[in-house]
Amino acid sequence: MSKKYDVYGVGNALVDLEFKVNDQFLYDHRVKKGLMTLVDEDTQFRLINAINQGDLIRKSGGSAANSVIAVSQLGGSSFYSCKVSSDEYGDFYLKDMNEAGVDTNLDGKQRDGGITGKCLVMITPDAERTMNTFLGATTDLSVHEVDERAIKDSKYVYLEGYLTPSVSGVEAMKLAKKVAEENGVKTSITLSDPSIVQGFKSQFEDVIGASVDMLFCNEDEAMTYTGTNNLDDARQAMKKEARQFAITQGKNGAIIYDGDTFIDIEPYAVKAVDTNGAGDMFAGAFLFGITNGMSMAAAGKLASMASSKVVSQFGPRLKTHELQRILHELK
């Protein structure tokens, strides 16, 4: 039986506001470099006003949102459950998702008042991205945003780890996973960020339960989650958490575990200018691959190529024609 959607994602809905800054700016404003930090609206507003806004890039974002958009751009089909407000940024978010070809739970629905979440992404000259996030409306994402009908009509459910700080967000993740498992839909999750893993490990354990079909993380997240201090031990320990998984290694490529053996995915050498969105792109391209007939090795190669392209430019996403070109070259 064919499914309408390759990937059903549930995650934060944030409008990404991306700027170039220097290390001195981060120091002066006491911003922790290289991490995602949750902040209040006043803090975010103060930082935005202190930045030269000439190079602003504005996109609909949220980690899982970037991934399901990549699925759609590659020619797949995706659905996204999220929460935005009935403000200007909420309007922008819905329009941007629709233009990307992603169906959402927002289509044709009345949105609540309040403020749509925003993620201030600060890129330093060494290509490191530092994020200060005001969650706004997405703080209240709950089981009410989960579309059970769309889950049942999907091949994979993809859960965003950034939801774990929210009690109602965790409940939404657990419901989506439960519905998927009861209806033969595969499950996947991303660990999202080392600081999130460290602070909310018990919530991750609660969501993952016995296992998930596919888990995405980077080296730091893998070691933090498994309590190990080297990659070899981490990847062995990860076998207990997921039937299959991918560990990204930045300039060293990635490791895929297919349930039986480890597959090394070669890197593609590029000059990195912005690492924001690399992990999101890897997960999205990989999920597109395995839901559209590719082997795990081929899907890993596609994901590696696509994520290397993302880090060589500013912004967390590629244009559709760029992704299509990568897919064509691979074939």
C-alpha atoms as a PDB file:
ATOM      1  CA  MET A   1       0.000   0.000   0.000  1.00  0.00           C
ATOM      2  CA  SER A   2       1.506   3.316  -1.073  1.00  0.00           C
ATOM      3  CA  LYS A   3       1.829   6.142   1.431  1.00  0.00           C
ATOM      4  CA  LYS A   4       1.126   9.813   0.770  1.00  0.00           C
ATOM      5  CA  TYR A   5       4.147  11.052   2.741  1.00  0.00           C
ATOM      6  CA  ASP A   6       7.723   9.847   2.857  1.00  0.00           C
ATOM      7  CA  VAL A   7       8.398  11.659   6.133  1.00  0.00           C
ATOM      8  CA  TYR A   8       6.142  13.088   8.841  1.00  0.00           C
ATOM      9  CA  GLY A   9       8.056  15.477  11.091  1.00  0.00           C
ATOM     10  CA  VAL A  10       7.138  16.997  14.438  1.00  0.00           C
ATOM     11  CA  GLY A  11       9.232  19.820  15.822  1.00  0.00           C
ATOM     12  CA  ASN A  12       9.679  23.470  16.560  1.00  0.00           C
ATOM     13  CA  ALA A  13       8.467  26.170  14.205  1.00  0.00           C
ATOM     14  CA  LEU A  14      10.961  29.020  14.319  1.00  0.00           C
ATOM     15  CA  VAL A  15      11.709  31.829  11.927  1.00  0.00           C
ATOM     16  CA  ASP A  16      15.496  31.792  11.532  1.00  0.00           C
ATOM     17  CA  LEU A  17      17.161  35.211  11.584  1.00  0.00           C
ATOM     18  CA  GLU A  18      20.751  34.693  10.507  1.00  0.00           C
ATOM     19  CA  PHE A  19      23.541  37.242  10.884  1.00  0.00           C
ATOM     20  CA  LYS A  20      27.319  37.407  10.566  1.00  0.00           C
ATOM     21  CA  VAL A  21      29.099  38.473  13.768  1.00  0.00           C
ATOM     22  CA  ASN A  22      32.634  38.311  15.177  1.00  0.00           C
ATOM     23  CA  ASP A  23      33.927  36.624  18.329  1.00  0.00           C
ATOM     24  CA  GLN A  24      34.184  39.971  20.096  1.00  0.00           C
ATOM     25  CA  PHE A  25      30.434  40.474  19.689  1.00  0.00           C
ATOM     26  CA  LEU A  26      29.736  37.136  21.391  1.00  0.00           C
ATOM     27  CA  TYR A  27      32.186  38.004  24.197  1.00  0.00           C
ATOM     28  CA  ASP A  28      30.769  41.500  24.718  1.00  0.00           C
ATOM     29  CA  HIS A  29      27.217  40.177  24.962  1.00  0.00           C
ATOM     30  CA  ARG A  30      28.131  37.106  27.055  1.00  0.00           C
ATOM     31  CA  VAL A  31      26.834  34.679  24.445  1.00  0.00           C
ATOM     32  CA  LYS A  32      28.111  31.075  24.714  1.00  0.00           C
ATOM     33  CA  LYS A  33      29.734  30.298  21.388  1.00  0.00           C
ATOM     34  CA  GLY A  34      28.766  27.219  19.380  1.00  0.00           C
ATOM     35  CA  LEU A  35      25.707  26.272  21.412  1.00  0.00           C
ATOM     36  CA  MET A  36      21.953  26.619  21.186  1.00  0.00           C
ATOM     37  CA  THR A  37      20.759  28.648  24.161  1.00  0.00           C
ATOM     38  CA  LEU A  38      17.128  29.314  25.071  1.00  0.00           C
ATOM     39  CA  VAL A  39      16.567  32.999  25.856  1.00  0.00           C
ATOM     40  CA  ASP A  40      13.655  35.270  26.658  1.00  0.00           C
ATOM     41  CA  GLU A  41      12.203  37.686  24.133  1.00  0.00           C
ATOM     42  CA  ASP A  42      13.886  40.752  25.662  1.00  0.00           C
ATOM     43  CA  THR A  43      17.350  39.166  25.433  1.00  0.00           C
ATOM     44  CA  GLN A  44      16.819  38.189  21.820  1.00  0.00           C
ATOM     45  CA  PHE A  45      15.438  41.638  20.959  1.00  0.00           C
ATOM     46  CA  ARG A  46      18.474  43.318  22.551  1.00  0.00           C
ATOM     47  CA  LEU A  47      20.912  41.133  20.586  1.00  0.00           C
ATOM     48  CA  ILE A  48      19.106  41.696  17.283  1.00  0.00           C
ATOM     49  CA  ASN A  49      19.185  45.466  17.795  1.00  0.00           C
ATOM     50  CA  ALA A  50      22.936  45.338  18.545  1.00  0.00           C
ATOM     51  CA  ILE A  51      23.759  43.560  15.270  1.00  0.00           C
ATOM     52  CA  ASN A  52      24.378  45.185  11.901  1.00  0.00           C
ATOM     53  CA  GLN A  53      21.314  43.909  10.058  1.00  0.00           C
ATOM     54  CA  GLY A  54      22.566  44.481   6.531  1.00  0.00           C
ATOM     55  CA  ASP A  55      23.182  40.773   5.889  1.00  0.00           C
ATOM     56  CA  LEU A  56      19.997  39.354   7.424  1.00  0.00           C
ATOM     57  CA  ILE A  57      18.747  36.024   6.055  1.00  0.00           C
ATOM     58  CA  ARG A  58      15.181  35.109   7.066  1.00  0.00           C
ATOM     59  CA  LYS A  59      13.831  31.577   6.598  1.00  0.00           C
ATOM     60  CA  SER A  60      11.239  29.288   8.095  1.00  0.00           C
ATOM     61  CA  GLY A  61      13.190  27.029  10.380  1.00  0.00           C
ATOM     62  CA  GLY A  62      13.321  24.676  13.249  1.00  0.00           C
ATOM     63  CA  SER A  63      15.604  21.683  12.958  1.00  0.00           C
ATOM     64  CA  ALA A  64      13.063  19.107  11.792  1.00  0.00           C
ATOM     65  CA  ALA A  65      11.446  21.693   9.521  1.00  0.00           C
ATOM     66  CA  ASN A  66      14.735  22.071   7.633  1.00  0.00           C
ATOM     67  CA  SER A  67      14.861  18.282   7.253  1.00  0.00           C
ATOM     68  CA  VAL A  68      11.328  17.812   5.890  1.00  0.00           C
ATOM     69  CA  ILE A  69      11.869  20.740   3.511  1.00  0.00           C
ATOM     70  CA  ALA A  70      14.953  18.939   2.154  1.00  0.00           C
ATOM     71  CA  VAL A  71      12.835  15.797   1.614  1.00  0.00           C
ATOM     72  CA  SER A  72      10.355  17.841  -0.414  1.00  0.00           C
ATOM     73  CA  GLN A  73      13.035  19.651  -2.436  1.00  0.00           C
ATOM     74  CA  LEU A  74      14.627  16.337  -3.422  1.00  0.00           C
ATOM     75  CA  GLY A  75      11.312  15.203  -4.877  1.00  0.00           C
ATOM     76  CA  GLY A  76       9.815  13.437  -1.882  1.00  0.00           C
ATOM     77  CA  SER A  77       6.689  14.272   0.081  1.00  0.00           C
ATOM     78  CA  SER A  78       6.540  15.488   3.659  1.00  0.00           C
ATOM     79  CA  PHE A  79       4.233  16.737   6.397  1.00  0.00           C
ATOM     80  CA  TYR A  80       5.138  18.909   9.382  1.00  0.00           C
ATOM     81  CA  SER A  81       3.336  19.301  12.702  1.00  0.00           C
ATOM     82  CA  CYS A  82       4.247  22.511  14.522  1.00  0.00           C
ATOM     83  CA  LYS A  83       2.822  25.606  16.228  1.00  0.00           C
ATOM     84  CA  VAL A  84       3.004  29.282  15.230  1.00  0.00           C
ATOM     85  CA  SER A  85       0.925  32.339  16.169  1.00  0.00           C
ATOM     86  CA  SER A  86      -1.373  34.513  14.107  1.00  0.00           C
ATOM     87  CA  ASP A  87       1.266  37.239  13.726  1.00  0.00           C
ATOM     88  CA  GLU A  88       3.457  38.452  10.861  1.00  0.00           C
ATOM     89  CA  TYR A  89       6.136  35.825  11.506  1.00  0.00           C
ATOM     90  CA  GLY A  90       3.493  33.081  11.685  1.00  0.00           C
ATOM     91  CA  ASP A  91       2.140  34.195   8.300  1.00  0.00           C
ATOM     92  CA  PHE A  92       5.669  34.181   6.893  1.00  0.00           C
ATOM     93  CA  TYR A  93       6.329  30.714   8.292  1.00  0.00           C
ATOM     94  CA  LEU A  94       3.204  29.136   6.796  1.00  0.00           C
ATOM     95  CA  LYS A  95       3.787  30.780   3.403  1.00  0.00           C
ATOM     96  CA  ASP A  96       7.425  29.640   3.327  1.00  0.00           C
ATOM     97  CA  MET A  97       6.517  26.033   4.202  1.00  0.00           C
ATOM     98  CA  ASN A  98       3.797  25.950   1.546  1.00  0.00           C
ATOM     99  CA  GLU A  99       6.199  27.312  -1.065  1.00  0.00           C
ATOM    100  CA  ALA A 100       8.640  24.554  -0.087  1.00  0.00           C
ATOM    101  CA  GLY A 101       5.950  21.970  -0.861  1.00  0.00           C
ATOM    102  CA  VAL A 102       5.468  20.795   2.739  1.00  0.00           C
ATOM    103  CA  ASP A 103       1.957  20.057   4.047  1.00  0.00           C
ATOM    104  CA  THR A 104       1.365  21.169   7.656  1.00  0.00           C
ATOM    105  CA  ASN A 105      -1.191  20.998  10.423  1.00  0.00           C
ATOM    106  CA  LEU A 106      -1.477  24.795  10.047  1.00  0.00           C
ATOM    107  CA  ASP A 107      -3.158  24.704   6.638  1.00  0.00           C
ATOM    108  CA  GLY A 108      -6.675  26.142   6.860  1.00  0.00           C
ATOM    109  CA  LYS A 109      -6.612  26.211  10.678  1.00  0.00           C
ATOM    110  CA  GLN A 110      -7.222  29.079  13.071  1.00  0.00           C
ATOM    111  CA  ARG A 111      -3.985  30.077  14.801  1.00  0.00           C
ATOM    112  CA  ASP A 112      -3.753  31.336  18.386  1.00  0.00           C
ATOM    113  CA  GLY A 113      -2.541  34.773  19.418  1.00  0.00           C
ATOM    114  CA  GLY A 114       0.895  35.305  20.906  1.00  0.00           C
ATOM    115  CA  ILE A 115       4.320  35.468  19.304  1.00  0.00           C
ATOM    116  CA  THR A 116       5.855  33.078  16.784  1.00  0.00           C
ATOM    117  CA  GLY A 117       9.221  31.702  17.869  1.00  0.00           C
ATOM    118  CA  LYS A 118      12.448  33.032  16.399  1.00  0.00           C
ATOM    119  CA  CYS A 119      15.971  31.647  16.313  1.00  0.00           C
ATOM    120  CA  LEU A 120      18.796  34.177  16.168  1.00  0.00           C
ATOM    121  CA  VAL A 121      21.673  32.431  14.371  1.00  0.00           C
ATOM    122  CA  MET A 122      25.030  34.167  14.736  1.00  0.00           C
ATOM    123  CA  ILE A 123      27.788  33.037  12.352  1.00  0.00           C
ATOM    124  CA  THR A 124      31.408  33.808  13.194  1.00  0.00           C
ATOM    125  CA  PRO A 125      34.234  33.908  10.595  1.00  0.00           C
ATOM    126  CA  ASP A 126      35.323  30.355  11.547  1.00  0.00           C
ATOM    127  CA  ALA A 127      31.895  29.111  10.283  1.00  0.00           C
ATOM    128  CA  GLU A 128      30.714  28.214  13.794  1.00  0.00           C
ATOM    129  CA  ARG A 129      27.046  28.871  14.429  1.00  0.00           C
ATOM    130  CA  THR A 130      25.733  30.094  17.764  1.00  0.00           C
ATOM    131  CA  MET A 131      21.983  30.098  18.322  1.00  0.00           C
ATOM    132  CA  ASN A 132      19.880  32.068  20.773  1.00  0.00           C
ATOM    133  CA  THR A 133      16.300  30.881  20.578  1.00  0.00           C
ATOM    134  CA  PHE A 134      13.089  32.448  21.846  1.00  0.00           C
ATOM    135  CA  LEU A 135      10.560  29.649  21.460  1.00  0.00           C
ATOM    136  CA  GLY A 136       7.401  31.751  21.647  1.00  0.00           C
ATOM    137  CA  ALA A 137       4.325  29.824  20.486  1.00  0.00           C
ATOM    138  CA  THR A 138       6.241  26.617  19.839  1.00  0.00           C
ATOM    139  CA  THR A 139       6.722  26.282  23.627  1.00  0.00           C
ATOM    140  CA  ASP A 140       3.088  25.175  23.716  1.00  0.00           C
ATOM    141  CA  LEU A 141       3.339  22.547  20.978  1.00  0.00           C
ATOM    142  CA  SER A 142       1.368  19.585  22.286  1.00  0.00           C
ATOM    143  CA  VAL A 143      -0.561  16.478  21.313  1.00  0.00           C
ATOM    144  CA  HIS A 144      -3.160  18.813  19.756  1.00  0.00           C
ATOM    145  CA  GLU A 145      -0.738  19.561  16.901  1.00  0.00           C
ATOM    146  CA  VAL A 146      -0.145  15.865  16.138  1.00  0.00           C
ATOM    147  CA  ASP A 147      -2.004  14.707  13.018  1.00  0.00           C
ATOM    148  CA  GLU A 148      -2.609  10.983  13.466  1.00  0.00           C
ATOM    149  CA  ARG A 149      -4.093  10.586   9.992  1.00  0.00           C
ATOM    150  CA  ALA A 150      -0.951  12.023   8.376  1.00  0.00           C
ATOM    151  CA  ILE A 151       1.268   9.763  10.504  1.00  0.00           C
ATOM    152  CA  LYS A 152      -0.613   6.659   9.368  1.00  0.00           C
ATOM    153  CA  ASP A 153      -0.132   7.799   5.754  1.00  0.00           C
ATOM    154  CA  SER A 154       3.655   8.179   6.142  1.00  0.00           C
ATOM    155  CA  LYS A 155       6.663   5.884   5.759  1.00  0.00           C
ATOM    156  CA  TYR A 156       8.713   7.486   8.548  1.00  0.00           C
ATOM    157  CA  VAL A 157       8.050   9.682  11.573  1.00  0.00           C
ATOM    158  CA  TYR A 158      10.905  12.065  12.428  1.00  0.00           C
ATOM    159  CA  LEU A 159      11.115  13.558  15.931  1.00  0.00           C
ATOM    160  CA  GLU A 160      13.126  16.654  16.814  1.00  0.00           C
ATOM    161  CA  GLY A 161      15.227  16.439  19.983  1.00  0.00           C
ATOM    162  CA  TYR A 162      14.908  20.174  20.615  1.00  0.00           C
ATOM    163  CA  LEU A 163      11.344  19.454  21.841  1.00  0.00           C
ATOM    164  CA  THR A 164      12.600  17.604  24.931  1.00  0.00           C
ATOM    165  CA  PRO A 165      12.769  20.706  27.219  1.00  0.00           C
ATOM    166  CA  SER A 166       8.988  21.074  26.839  1.00  0.00           C
ATOM    167  CA  VAL A 167       6.704  18.774  28.860  1.00  0.00           C
ATOM    168  CA  SER A 168       3.918  19.082  26.284  1.00  0.00           C
ATOM    169  CA  GLY A 169       6.465  18.691  23.468  1.00  0.00           C
ATOM    170  CA  VAL A 170       7.644  15.383  24.926  1.00  0.00           C
ATOM    171  CA  GLU A 171       4.033  14.193  25.095  1.00  0.00           C
ATOM    172  CA  ALA A 172       3.594  15.119  21.423  1.00  0.00           C
ATOM    173  CA  MET A 173       6.733  13.147  20.509  1.00  0.00           C
ATOM    174  CA  LYS A 174       5.552  10.122  22.482  1.00  0.00           C
ATOM    175  CA  LEU A 175       2.111  10.204  20.866  1.00  0.00           C
ATOM    176  CA  ALA A 176       3.567  10.476  17.356  1.00  0.00           C
ATOM    177  CA  LYS A 177       5.894   7.535  18.051  1.00  0.00           C
ATOM    178  CA  LYS A 178       3.067   5.456  19.548  1.00  0.00           C
ATOM    179  CA  VAL A 179       0.737   6.057  16.594  1.00  0.00           C
ATOM    180  CA  ALA A 180       3.569   5.236  14.190  1.00  0.00           C
ATOM    181  CA  GLU A 181       4.464   1.976  15.915  1.00  0.00           C
ATOM    182  CA  GLU A 182       0.824   0.876  16.126  1.00  0.00           C
ATOM    183  CA  ASN A 183       0.433   1.426  12.376  1.00  0.00           C
ATOM    184  CA  GLY A 184       3.666  -0.045  11.025  1.00  0.00           C
ATOM    185  CA  VAL A 185       5.274   3.355  10.394  1.00  0.00           C
ATOM    186  CA  LYS A 186       9.015   3.544  11.082  1.00  0.00           C
ATOM    187  CA  THR A 187      10.332   5.943  13.707  1.00  0.00           C
ATOM    188  CA  SER A 188      13.373   8.215  13.780  1.00  0.00           C
ATOM    189  CA  ILE A 189      14.759  10.880  16.084  1.00  0.00           C
ATOM    190  CA  THR A 190      17.584  13.405  16.128  1.00  0.00           C
ATOM    191  CA  LEU A 191      19.523  14.174  19.308  1.00  0.00           C
ATOM    192  CA  SER A 192      19.799  17.786  18.064  1.00  0.00           C
ATOM    193  CA  ASP A 193      22.460  19.354  20.324  1.00  0.00           C
ATOM    194  CA  PRO A 194      24.990  18.220  22.978  1.00  0.00           C
ATOM    195  CA  SER A 195      23.657  20.689  25.572  1.00  0.00           C
ATOM    196  CA  ILE A 196      20.087  19.451  25.025  1.00  0.00           C
ATOM    197  CA  VAL A 197      21.236  15.832  25.386  1.00  0.00           C
ATOM    198  CA  GLN A 198      23.074  16.675  28.598  1.00  0.00           C
ATOM    199  CA  GLY A 199      20.191  18.588  30.138  1.00  0.00           C
ATOM    200  CA  PHE A 200      17.294  16.382  29.061  1.00  0.00           C
ATOM    201  CA  LYS A 201      18.649  12.852  28.751  1.00  0.00           C
ATOM    202  CA  SER A 202      15.828  11.316  30.792  1.00  0.00           C
ATOM    203  CA  GLN A 203      13.283  12.898  28.438  1.00  0.00           C
ATOM    204  CA  PHE A 204      15.105  11.413  25.448  1.00  0.00           C
ATOM    205  CA  GLU A 205      15.071   8.016  27.153  1.00  0.00           C
ATOM    206  CA  ASP A 206      11.354   8.410  27.796  1.00  0.00           C
ATOM    207  CA  VAL A 207      10.645   9.145  24.118  1.00  0.00           C
ATOM    208  CA  ILE A 208      13.027   6.566  22.632  1.00  0.00           C
ATOM    209  CA  GLY A 209      11.768   3.831  24.959  1.00  0.00           C
ATOM    210  CA  ALA A 210      12.991   0.396  23.925  1.00  0.00           C
ATOM    211  CA  SER A 211      14.334   1.652  20.600  1.00  0.00           C
ATOM    212  CA  VAL A 212      13.733   3.674  17.438  1.00  0.00           C
ATOM    213  CA  ASP A 213      14.251   2.525  13.872  1.00  0.00           C
ATOM    214  CA  MET A 214      16.697   5.327  12.997  1.00  0.00           C
ATOM    215  CA  LEU A 215      18.648   7.781  15.145  1.00  0.00           C
ATOM    216  CA  PHE A 216      20.663  10.787  13.963  1.00  0.00           C
ATOM    217  CA  CYS A 217      23.409  12.498  15.976  1.00  0.00           C
ATOM    218  CA  ASN A 218      26.908  13.920  15.748  1.00  0.00           C
ATOM    219  CA  GLU A 219      29.994  12.650  17.597  1.00  0.00           C
ATOM    220  CA  ASP A 220      29.570  14.891  20.654  1.00  0.00           C
ATOM    221  CA  GLU A 221      25.901  13.992  21.006  1.00  0.00           C
ATOM    222  CA  ALA A 222      26.644  10.276  20.661  1.00  0.00           C
ATOM    223  CA  MET A 223      29.281  10.362  23.411  1.00  0.00           C
ATOM    224  CA  THR A 224      27.176  12.565  25.678  1.00  0.00           C
ATOM    225  CA  TYR A 225      24.111  10.362  25.320  1.00  0.00           C
ATOM    226  CA  THR A 226      25.961   7.080  25.858  1.00  0.00           C
ATOM    227  CA  GLY A 227      28.260   8.413  28.610  1.00  0.00           C
ATOM    228  CA  THR A 228      31.397   7.423  26.691  1.00  0.00           C
ATOM    229  CA  ASN A 229      34.531   9.389  25.866  1.00  0.00           C
ATOM    230  CA  ASN A 230      35.441   8.013  22.445  1.00  0.00           C
ATOM    231  CA  LEU A 231      33.574   7.316  19.233  1.00  0.00           C
ATOM    232  CA  ASP A 232      34.255   3.556  19.142  1.00  0.00           C
ATOM    233  CA  ASP A 233      32.615   3.016  22.521  1.00  0.00           C
ATOM    234  CA  ALA A 234      29.778   5.400  21.661  1.00  0.00           C
ATOM    235  CA  ARG A 235      28.835   3.637  18.467  1.00  0.00           C
ATOM    236  CA  GLN A 236      28.790   0.251  20.190  1.00  0.00           C
ATOM    237  CA  ALA A 237      26.613   1.622  23.005  1.00  0.00           C
ATOM    238  CA  MET A 238      24.279   3.249  20.480  1.00  0.00           C
ATOM    239  CA  LYS A 239      23.245  -0.198  19.203  1.00  0.00           C
ATOM    240  CA  LYS A 240      21.114  -0.512  22.356  1.00  0.00           C
ATOM    241  CA  GLU A 241      19.216   2.685  21.541  1.00  0.00           C
ATOM    242  CA  ALA A 242      18.380   2.339  17.861  1.00  0.00           C
ATOM    243  CA  ARG A 243      18.058  -0.428  15.301  1.00  0.00           C
ATOM    244  CA  GLN A 244      19.932   1.777  12.833  1.00  0.00           C
ATOM    245  CA  PHE A 245      21.727   5.093  13.251  1.00  0.00           C
ATOM    246  CA  ALA A 246      23.914   7.729  11.634  1.00  0.00           C
ATOM    247  CA  ILE A 247      26.707   9.576  13.417  1.00  0.00           C
ATOM    248  CA  THR A 248      27.924  12.635  11.517  1.00  0.00           C
ATOM    249  CA  GLN A 249      31.596  13.584  11.875  1.00  0.00           C
ATOM    250  CA  GLY A 250      31.863  16.982  10.233  1.00  0.00           C
ATOM    251  CA  LYS A 251      34.836  17.142   7.887  1.00  0.00           C
ATOM    252  CA  ASN A 252      35.401  13.391   8.433  1.00  0.00           C
ATOM    253  CA  GLY A 253      32.103  12.332   6.889  1.00  0.00           C
ATOM    254  CA  ALA A 254      29.759  10.010   8.770  1.00  0.00           C
ATOM    255  CA  ILE A 255      29.252   6.497  10.110  1.00  0.00           C
ATOM    256  CA  ILE A 256      26.059   4.591   9.310  1.00  0.00           C
ATOM    257  CA  TYR A 257      24.987   1.500  11.238  1.00  0.00           C
ATOM    258  CA  ASP A 258      22.560  -0.514   9.105  1.00  0.00           C
ATOM    259  CA  GLY A 259      21.568  -2.941  11.832  1.00  0.00           C
ATOM    260  CA  ASP A 260      24.336  -5.353  10.933  1.00  0.00           C
ATOM    261  CA  THR A 261      27.511  -3.545   9.900  1.00  0.00           C
ATOM    262  CA  PHE A 262      29.091  -0.089  10.058  1.00  0.00           C
ATOM    263  CA  ILE A 263      29.358   1.852   6.806  1.00  0.00           C
ATOM    264  CA  ASP A 264      31.874   4.683   6.499  1.00  0.00           C
ATOM    265  CA  ILE A 265      30.532   7.620   4.490  1.00  0.00           C
ATOM    266  CA  GLU A 266      33.243   9.686   2.874  1.00  0.00           C
ATOM    267  CA  PRO A 267      33.329  13.466   3.352  1.00  0.00           C
ATOM    268  CA  TYR A 268      33.312  16.007   0.544  1.00  0.00           C
ATOM    269  CA  ALA A 269      35.998  18.620   1.068  1.00  0.00           C
ATOM    270  CA  VAL A 270      34.633  22.173   1.067  1.00  0.00           C
ATOM    271  CA  LYS A 271      35.527  25.476   2.659  1.00  0.00           C
ATOM    272  CA  ALA A 272      33.018  25.802   5.487  1.00  0.00           C
ATOM    273  CA  VAL A 273      31.465  29.236   5.926  1.00  0.00           C
ATOM    274  CA  ASP A 274      28.364  28.326   7.982  1.00  0.00           C
ATOM    275  CA  THR A 275      27.689  25.003   9.728  1.00  0.00           C
ATOM    276  CA  ASN A 276      24.081  25.913  10.538  1.00  0.00           C
ATOM    277  CA  GLY A 277      21.706  23.290   9.149  1.00  0.00           C
ATOM    278  CA  ALA A 278      24.300  20.674   8.227  1.00  0.00           C
ATOM    279  CA  GLY A 279      22.841  18.011  10.514  1.00  0.00           C
ATOM    280  CA  ASP A 280      19.302  18.882   9.462  1.00  0.00           C
ATOM    281  CA  MET A 281      20.230  18.503   5.802  1.00  0.00           C
ATOM    282  CA  PHE A 282      21.999  15.201   6.457  1.00  0.00           C
ATOM    283  CA  ALA A 283      18.909  13.744   8.148  1.00  0.00           C
ATOM    284  CA  GLY A 284      16.504  15.055   5.517  1.00  0.00           C
ATOM    285  CA  ALA A 285      18.520  13.836   2.547  1.00  0.00           C
ATOM    286  CA  PHE A 286      19.147  10.468   4.214  1.00  0.00           C
ATOM    287  CA  LEU A 287      15.457   9.957   5.006  1.00  0.00           C
ATOM    288  CA  PHE A 288      14.567  10.888   1.426  1.00  0.00           C
ATOM    289  CA  GLY A 289      17.043   8.304   0.184  1.00  0.00           C
ATOM    290  CA  ILE A 290      15.885   5.362   2.286  1.00  0.00           C
ATOM    291  CA  THR A 291      12.200   6.103   1.616  1.00  0.00           C
ATOM    292  CA  ASN A 292      12.811   6.299  -2.140  1.00  0.00           C
ATOM    293  CA  GLY A 293      14.613   3.055  -2.881  1.00  0.00           C
ATOM    294  CA  MET A 294      18.214   3.943  -2.068  1.00  0.00           C
ATOM    295  CA  SER A 295      20.517   1.666  -0.074  1.00  0.00           C
ATOM    296  CA  MET A 296      21.775   3.058   3.216  1.00  0.00           C
ATOM    297  CA  ALA A 297      25.216   3.574   1.691  1.00  0.00           C
ATOM    298  CA  ALA A 298      23.768   5.534  -1.242  1.00  0.00           C
ATOM    299  CA  ALA A 299      21.497   7.547   1.054  1.00  0.00           C
ATOM    300  CA  GLY A 300      24.516   8.311   3.238  1.00  0.00           C
ATOM    301  CA  LYS A 301      26.472   9.508   0.223  1.00  0.00           C
ATOM    302  CA  LEU A 302      23.590  11.766  -0.857  1.00  0.00           C
ATOM    303  CA  ALA A 303      23.304  13.137   2.686  1.00  0.00           C
ATOM    304  CA  SER A 304      27.057  13.774   2.894  1.00  0.00           C
ATOM    305  CA  MET A 305      27.102  15.577  -0.454  1.00  0.00           C
ATOM    306  CA  ALA A 306      24.089  17.715   0.420  1.00  0.00           C
ATOM    307  CA  SER A 307      25.295  18.677   3.895  1.00  0.00           C
ATOM    308  CA  SER A 308      28.756  19.586   2.570  1.00  0.00           C
ATOM    309  CA  LYS A 309      27.069  21.919   0.082  1.00  0.00           C
ATOM    310  CA  VAL A 310      25.072  23.541   2.904  1.00  0.00           C
ATOM    311  CA  VAL A 311      28.155  24.392   4.996  1.00  0.00           C
ATOM    312  CA  SER A 312      29.839  26.030   1.997  1.00  0.00           C
ATOM    313  CA  GLN A 313      27.212  28.810   1.912  1.00  0.00           C
ATOM    314  CA  PHE A 314      25.253  30.966   4.331  1.00  0.00           C
ATOM    315  CA  GLY A 315      21.864  29.738   5.505  1.00  0.00           C
ATOM    316  CA  PRO A 316      20.556  26.315   6.610  1.00  0.00           C
ATOM    317  CA  ARG A 317      18.953  25.340   3.307  1.00  0.00           C
ATOM    318  CA  LEU A 318      19.793  24.917  -0.356  1.00  0.00           C
ATOM    319  CA  LYS A 319      17.745  25.968  -3.328  1.00  0.00           C
ATOM    320  CA  THR A 320      15.668  23.198  -4.894  1.00  0.00           C
ATOM    321  CA  HIS A 321      17.672  23.156  -8.127  1.00  0.00           C
ATOM    322  CA  GLU A 322      20.905  22.753  -6.129  1.00  0.00           C
ATOM    323  CA  LEU A 323      19.592  19.683  -4.331  1.00  0.00           C
ATOM    324  CA  GLN A 324      18.195  18.259  -7.537  1.00  0.00           C
ATOM    325  CA  ARG A 325      21.611  18.691  -9.181  1.00  0.00           C
ATOM    326  CA  ILE A 326      23.288  16.759  -6.341  1.00  0.00           C
ATOM    327  CA  LEU A 327      20.724  13.957  -6.692  1.00  0.00           C
ATOM    328  CA  HIS A 328      21.271  13.864 -10.464  1.00  0.00           C
ATOM    329  CA  GLU A 329      25.066  13.722 -10.061  1.00  0.00           C
ATOM    330  CA  LEU A 330      24.746  10.852  -7.617  1.00  0.00           C
ATOM    331  CA  LYS A 331      22.569   8.840  -9.972  1.00  0.00           C
END
